[in-house]
Structures are given as structure tokens and as C-alpha cells.
Amino acid sequence: MKIAFAASRTPVAQTARAALIGRYGDVPMEEAEVIVALGGDGFMLQTLHFTEKLSSAVYGMNRGTIGFLMNEYSESDLIDRLEAAEIERVNPLVMDATDSAGKSHQALAINEVSLLRTSAQAAKLRITVDGRLRMEELVCDGALVATPAGSTAYNYSAHGPVLPIGSDVLALTAVAAFRPRRWRGALLPKTATVRFDVLEADKRPVMAEADSRSFKNITSVVIRSNAEITHRILFDPGHGLEERLISEQFS
């Protein structure tokens, strides 16, 4: 099996990479059947974005902290684990944001696209879904659209719903909504196109993030799922995303 090893910059991840390469060898990512990512969830997202045009599946081993997208680390039985691994397929979100200078910014997000206030003033957002105005004004710290794979990340911390991995649903979640008070958000079909317009953008500046890629002074954001890109993530049997999403709700 041709394996490419990628690791975050932390010493523990780099040490693990060196040990695994010494045991299993290493090939360029373009030639690999499987890419093994060593680090935490943030590095796993970076690896998925970096390899989105490759056909290789990505198998993560946790050398970070939480490791929700990762498998347990072990050096001794990697080939057997890769051969037995289950595949989860994930489509990313496409973000098209426009800033106050009229410049457009595009980015992909596997977990979520979020809008967050950047001043002491609360953000004011107008929400349109599939061309239909759904909320004239949401006063809040921010809002986000999350995929099922990302529903246990920032979305869950903002009290958004956990989505089954196979569901064709997106979560639209408010962050500290002030008006309408306690509005938590909505569940939308995966095919929906969501548009946020920032009201009073000069007085109430907002930034947009797509999996931690940040853009400041945003005036509008359009978000949709991209079915043309599919990330293949490998998990040990019985420890895939579906099981983790269910377990997270009972922890």
C-alpha cells in the first residue's frame, strides 16, 4: 500500500511521522493510495483542503487534542487498520463573501462558514434562503451554517443541533442572538443557498470565516453545499463519524 504521511508542526506529530515513515515508507501525496494525517482536527481540515483535488482517502491519527476527526494513534498495525477502515464521504460548503471594498472572497469549508462581529456593537444580519427573505433583521454576535460533519464543532458550542452524517441537511445557527431573543436557528435542506447581508456594516463590522480562513469587513456572504467535491475520510470500524455524532449527544 502506497502511503503518504503528513504531520502538523508540533514535535509530537513530527516524531510520529518520522517513526511511521521508518516503518512503512513514504510516497508523494500525488502517488498515494492513502494519506495519513498526524495532528489534531485543525490539521485534518488543512489536509482535506490541501488534497481536495486528489483521489486519495485521508486517514487521521490523533497527535493533537480533541481529535474528533481522527483515529487513535498506533504504529504497529497501520496496514491492517487501513485495509479495514470505513469510508465517510463529506461535501464541503462554498462561501462567496463580498467585503466593503467590493472585493469577492471564495473559500471552501468542511465544518462551517461563520459570520462574527468584530467590534463592541452587535451584528445585524438579514437572512435570505433560496432567494426568499426569511429574516429581516437578526441582532446577534454572529451566525453560521454547518455541515453534518461540522455540526459538533463550533455549531454545537453555539447550541446548534447535531446532524446525522448521512442527512441531506445543513444547520443555520445563531451565535448569542439578541433579537429575536433566543432564536437558535433553522434546519435547511442541503441544496439550499443561504445569503447573509450585513446591515449597518460600517458601524457594525463583521468578519466571515470558512474553516478558520478569515475575511474582514464583510457586507454579504452566500453559502451553498458543493456536491462536485467529495472528501473521503477513513475511520476504524465502529468509530466513524456517525457513531461519534451519536455518542457526542450522550456524553
Protein backbone atom coordinates (compact mmCIF):
# COMPACT_ATOMS: atom_id res chain seq x y z
CA MET A 1 0.00 0.00 0.00
CA LYS A 2 1.37 3.40 -1.02
CA ILE A 3 1.07 5.76 1.92
CA ALA A 4 1.89 9.45 2.24
CA PHE A 5 2.39 10.82 5.74
CA ALA A 6 1.57 14.42 6.65
CA ALA A 7 2.04 15.94 10.10
CA SER A 8 1.39 19.18 11.92
CA ARG A 9 4.39 21.18 13.10
CA THR A 10 4.15 20.04 16.70
CA PRO A 11 7.07 17.93 17.97
CA VAL A 12 4.82 15.00 18.89
CA ALA A 13 3.33 14.89 15.38
CA GLN A 14 6.70 15.22 13.68
CA THR A 15 8.17 12.45 15.84
CA ALA A 16 5.25 10.19 14.95
CA ARG A 17 5.70 10.92 11.24
CA ALA A 18 9.38 10.01 11.36
CA ALA A 19 8.64 6.74 13.17
CA LEU A 20 5.89 5.76 10.72
CA ILE A 21 7.97 6.60 7.66
CA GLY A 22 10.79 4.48 9.04
CA ARG A 23 8.36 1.58 9.34
CA TYR A 24 6.14 1.91 6.27
CA GLY A 25 7.97 4.19 3.85
CA ASP A 26 6.56 7.34 2.30
CA VAL A 27 5.46 8.45 -1.17
CA PRO A 28 4.42 11.86 -2.58
CA MET A 29 0.76 12.67 -1.94
CA GLU A 30 0.01 12.59 -5.66
CA GLU A 31 1.07 8.92 -5.78
CA ALA A 32 -0.51 7.76 -2.52
CA GLU A 33 -3.43 5.37 -2.16
CA VAL A 34 -3.98 6.69 1.36
CA ILE A 35 -2.81 9.88 3.07
CA VAL A 36 -2.23 9.58 6.81
CA ALA A 37 -2.62 12.88 8.66
CA LEU A 38 -0.97 13.22 12.07
CA GLY A 39 -2.17 16.03 14.32
CA GLY A 40 -5.48 17.36 15.59
CA ASP A 41 -8.76 18.26 13.94
CA GLY A 42 -7.42 21.57 12.66
CA PHE A 43 -4.59 19.84 10.82
CA MET A 44 -7.01 17.23 9.48
CA LEU A 45 -9.12 20.01 7.95
CA GLN A 46 -5.98 21.56 6.43
CA THR A 47 -5.03 18.20 4.92
CA LEU A 48 -8.50 17.66 3.46
CA HIS A 49 -8.45 21.10 1.87
CA PHE A 50 -4.93 20.58 0.52
CA THR A 51 -5.84 17.20 -1.03
CA GLU A 52 -9.33 18.04 -2.31
CA LYS A 53 -8.27 17.52 -5.94
CA LEU A 54 -6.65 14.14 -5.22
CA SER A 55 -8.45 10.80 -5.31
CA SER A 56 -6.74 9.53 -2.15
CA ALA A 57 -8.69 8.95 1.04
CA VAL A 58 -7.36 10.54 4.24
CA TYR A 59 -6.88 8.60 7.48
CA GLY A 60 -6.17 10.71 10.55
CA MET A 61 -4.33 9.63 13.68
CA ASN A 62 -4.60 11.86 16.72
CA ARG A 63 -1.45 13.67 17.72
CA GLY A 64 -3.38 16.76 18.84
CA THR A 65 -6.01 17.41 21.49
CA ILE A 66 -9.66 16.54 20.76
CA GLY A 67 -9.25 14.57 17.54
CA PHE A 68 -12.93 14.25 16.64
CA LEU A 69 -12.00 13.56 13.01
CA MET A 70 -9.06 11.36 13.98
CA ASN A 71 -8.42 7.74 14.88
CA GLU A 72 -6.33 6.61 17.83
CA TYR A 73 -2.59 6.67 17.27
CA SER A 74 -0.71 3.39 16.90
CA GLU A 75 2.41 2.46 14.96
CA SER A 76 2.19 -1.31 14.97
CA ASP A 77 -0.90 -2.24 12.91
CA LEU A 78 -1.39 0.57 10.41
CA ILE A 79 -1.78 -1.54 7.25
CA ASP A 80 -4.44 -3.76 8.84
CA ARG A 81 -6.31 -0.71 10.08
CA LEU A 82 -6.21 1.00 6.69
CA GLU A 83 -7.50 -2.13 4.95
CA ALA A 84 -10.37 -2.47 7.43
CA ALA A 85 -11.22 1.24 7.60
CA GLU A 86 -14.71 2.55 6.76
CA ILE A 87 -15.19 5.50 4.42
CA GLU A 88 -17.22 8.60 5.24
CA ARG A 89 -17.94 10.94 2.33
CA VAL A 90 -18.29 14.66 3.03
CA ASN A 91 -19.21 17.55 0.72
CA PRO A 92 -17.85 20.98 1.65
CA LEU A 93 -19.61 24.33 1.72
CA VAL A 94 -18.73 27.05 -0.77
CA MET A 95 -18.51 30.58 0.64
CA ASP A 96 -18.63 33.64 -1.59
CA ALA A 97 -18.11 36.73 0.55
CA THR A 98 -18.02 40.38 -0.53
CA ASP A 99 -16.19 43.00 1.52
CA SER A 100 -16.81 46.73 1.92
CA ALA A 101 -14.41 47.49 -0.95
CA GLY A 102 -16.45 45.31 -3.28
CA LYS A 103 -13.82 42.56 -3.41
CA SER A 104 -15.05 38.96 -3.61
CA HIS A 105 -13.54 36.17 -1.50
CA GLN A 106 -14.20 32.47 -2.18
CA ALA A 107 -13.36 29.61 0.17
CA LEU A 108 -14.43 26.07 0.98
CA ALA A 109 -15.48 24.86 4.42
CA ILE A 110 -15.79 21.26 5.57
CA ASN A 111 -17.13 22.20 9.01
CA GLU A 112 -18.85 25.59 8.82
CA VAL A 113 -18.99 29.09 7.45
CA SER A 114 -19.49 31.67 10.18
CA LEU A 115 -20.06 35.41 10.45
CA LEU A 116 -18.87 37.13 13.62
CA ARG A 117 -18.95 40.70 14.87
CA THR A 118 -15.55 42.41 15.19
CA SER A 119 -16.48 45.40 17.34
CA ALA A 120 -18.31 46.16 20.55
CA GLN A 121 -21.51 46.58 18.52
CA ALA A 122 -23.75 43.57 17.92
CA ALA A 123 -24.02 42.45 14.30
CA LYS A 124 -27.22 42.97 12.34
CA LEU A 125 -27.82 40.37 9.64
CA ARG A 126 -30.52 39.87 7.02
CA ILE A 127 -31.09 36.22 6.04
CA THR A 128 -32.31 35.04 2.64
CA VAL A 129 -32.77 31.37 1.71
CA ASP A 130 -33.09 30.35 -1.94
CA GLY A 131 -33.89 33.93 -2.88
CA ARG A 132 -36.67 34.29 -0.33
CA LEU A 133 -36.28 36.70 2.58
CA ARG A 134 -36.59 34.70 5.80
CA MET A 135 -35.43 37.15 8.48
CA GLU A 136 -35.37 40.91 8.02
CA GLU A 137 -33.03 41.52 10.94
CA LEU A 138 -31.09 39.21 13.27
CA VAL A 139 -29.24 41.08 16.03
CA CYS A 140 -26.51 38.78 17.33
CA ASP A 141 -22.83 38.12 17.92
CA GLY A 142 -22.89 36.14 14.68
CA ALA A 143 -24.37 33.24 12.75
CA LEU A 144 -23.11 30.15 10.98
CA VAL A 145 -24.03 27.44 8.51
CA ALA A 146 -22.67 23.99 9.40
CA THR A 147 -22.44 20.67 7.60
CA PRO A 148 -23.28 17.40 9.38
CA ALA A 149 -19.54 16.71 9.73
CA GLY A 150 -19.07 20.10 11.38
CA SER A 151 -22.22 20.09 13.47
CA THR A 152 -20.36 19.02 16.64
CA ALA A 153 -17.74 21.74 16.28
CA TYR A 154 -18.49 25.48 16.62
CA ASN A 155 -22.14 24.83 15.76
CA TYR A 156 -22.60 22.60 18.81
CA SER A 157 -20.84 25.10 21.07
CA ALA A 158 -23.34 27.70 19.87
CA HIS A 159 -26.18 25.33 20.89
CA GLY A 160 -26.89 24.25 17.33
CA PRO A 161 -28.21 20.75 16.52
CA VAL A 162 -26.05 17.70 15.93
CA LEU A 163 -26.83 16.38 12.43
CA PRO A 164 -26.58 12.72 11.38
CA ILE A 165 -23.68 12.32 8.98
CA GLY A 166 -25.83 10.91 6.18
CA SER A 167 -28.51 13.58 6.38
CA ASP A 168 -29.05 16.00 3.50
CA VAL A 169 -29.42 18.87 5.94
CA LEU A 170 -27.49 21.99 6.94
CA ALA A 171 -27.71 23.77 10.28
CA LEU A 172 -28.19 27.54 10.34
CA THR A 173 -27.34 28.59 13.89
CA ALA A 174 -27.33 31.96 15.61
CA VAL A 175 -24.49 32.94 17.94
CA ALA A 176 -25.84 34.73 21.02
CA ALA A 177 -29.00 36.02 19.35
CA PHE A 178 -30.37 39.20 20.97
CA ARG A 179 -33.30 39.85 18.62
CA PRO A 180 -35.28 37.71 18.03
CA ARG A 181 -34.32 36.75 21.57
CA ARG A 182 -33.17 33.15 21.99
CA TRP A 183 -33.60 32.37 18.29
CA ARG A 184 -31.36 29.34 17.78
CA GLY A 185 -31.61 28.95 14.01
CA ALA A 186 -33.10 26.55 11.48
CA LEU A 187 -32.56 23.27 9.66
CA LEU A 188 -32.25 23.67 5.91
CA PRO A 189 -32.05 21.21 3.00
CA LYS A 190 -28.53 20.54 1.76
CA THR A 191 -29.48 22.08 -1.59
CA ALA A 192 -30.33 25.44 -0.02
CA THR A 193 -28.43 28.62 -0.87
CA VAL A 194 -28.13 30.92 2.15
CA ARG A 195 -27.35 34.61 1.88
CA PHE A 196 -26.42 36.90 4.75
CA ASP A 197 -26.44 40.67 4.23
CA VAL A 198 -24.68 42.72 6.89
CA LEU A 199 -26.77 45.72 7.94
CA GLU A 200 -25.02 48.91 9.07
CA ALA A 201 -21.72 47.29 8.06
CA ASP A 202 -19.64 50.43 8.74
CA LYS A 203 -20.97 50.82 12.27
CA ARG A 204 -21.20 47.08 12.99
CA PRO A 205 -18.28 45.40 11.16
CA VAL A 206 -18.39 41.66 10.58
CA MET A 207 -15.83 39.05 9.58
CA ALA A 208 -16.51 35.81 7.72
CA GLU A 209 -14.72 32.53 8.36
CA ALA A 210 -14.61 29.33 6.33
CA ASP A 211 -12.92 26.65 8.46
CA SER A 212 -10.80 29.37 10.11
CA ARG A 213 -9.91 31.21 6.88
CA SER A 214 -10.91 34.75 7.82
CA PHE A 215 -12.02 37.77 5.79
CA LYS A 216 -12.74 41.15 7.40
CA ASN A 217 -15.25 43.95 6.75
CA ILE A 218 -17.75 41.71 5.01
CA THR A 219 -21.00 43.12 3.63
CA SER A 220 -22.58 39.93 2.26
CA VAL A 221 -21.99 36.17 2.21
CA VAL A 222 -23.54 33.49 0.02
CA ILE A 223 -23.20 29.86 1.17
CA ARG A 224 -24.11 26.61 -0.56
CA SER A 225 -23.05 22.97 -0.49
CA ASN A 226 -20.76 21.79 -3.29
CA ALA A 227 -21.70 18.27 -4.39
CA GLU A 228 -18.94 18.29 -7.02
CA ILE A 229 -16.25 17.93 -4.33
CA THR A 230 -16.26 14.86 -2.10
CA HIS A 231 -13.76 14.34 0.71
CA ARG A 232 -13.18 10.69 1.67
CA ILE A 233 -12.28 10.24 5.34
CA LEU A 234 -11.29 6.85 6.76
CA PHE A 235 -12.24 5.65 10.25
CA ASP A 236 -11.63 2.49 12.20
CA PRO A 237 -14.68 0.16 12.19
CA GLY A 238 -17.23 1.20 14.80
CA HIS A 239 -15.59 4.59 15.31
CA GLY A 240 -16.83 6.50 12.26
CA LEU A 241 -18.45 9.91 12.17
CA GLU A 242 -21.97 8.52 12.55
CA GLU A 243 -21.10 6.77 15.81
CA ARG A 244 -19.17 9.78 17.08
CA LEU A 245 -22.03 12.15 16.32
CA ILE A 246 -24.43 9.95 18.26
CA SER A 247 -22.02 9.42 21.17
CA GLU A 248 -21.36 13.15 21.44
CA GLN A 249 -25.02 13.73 22.29
CA PHE A 250 -24.91 11.32 25.23
CA SER A 251 -21.55 12.33 26.67
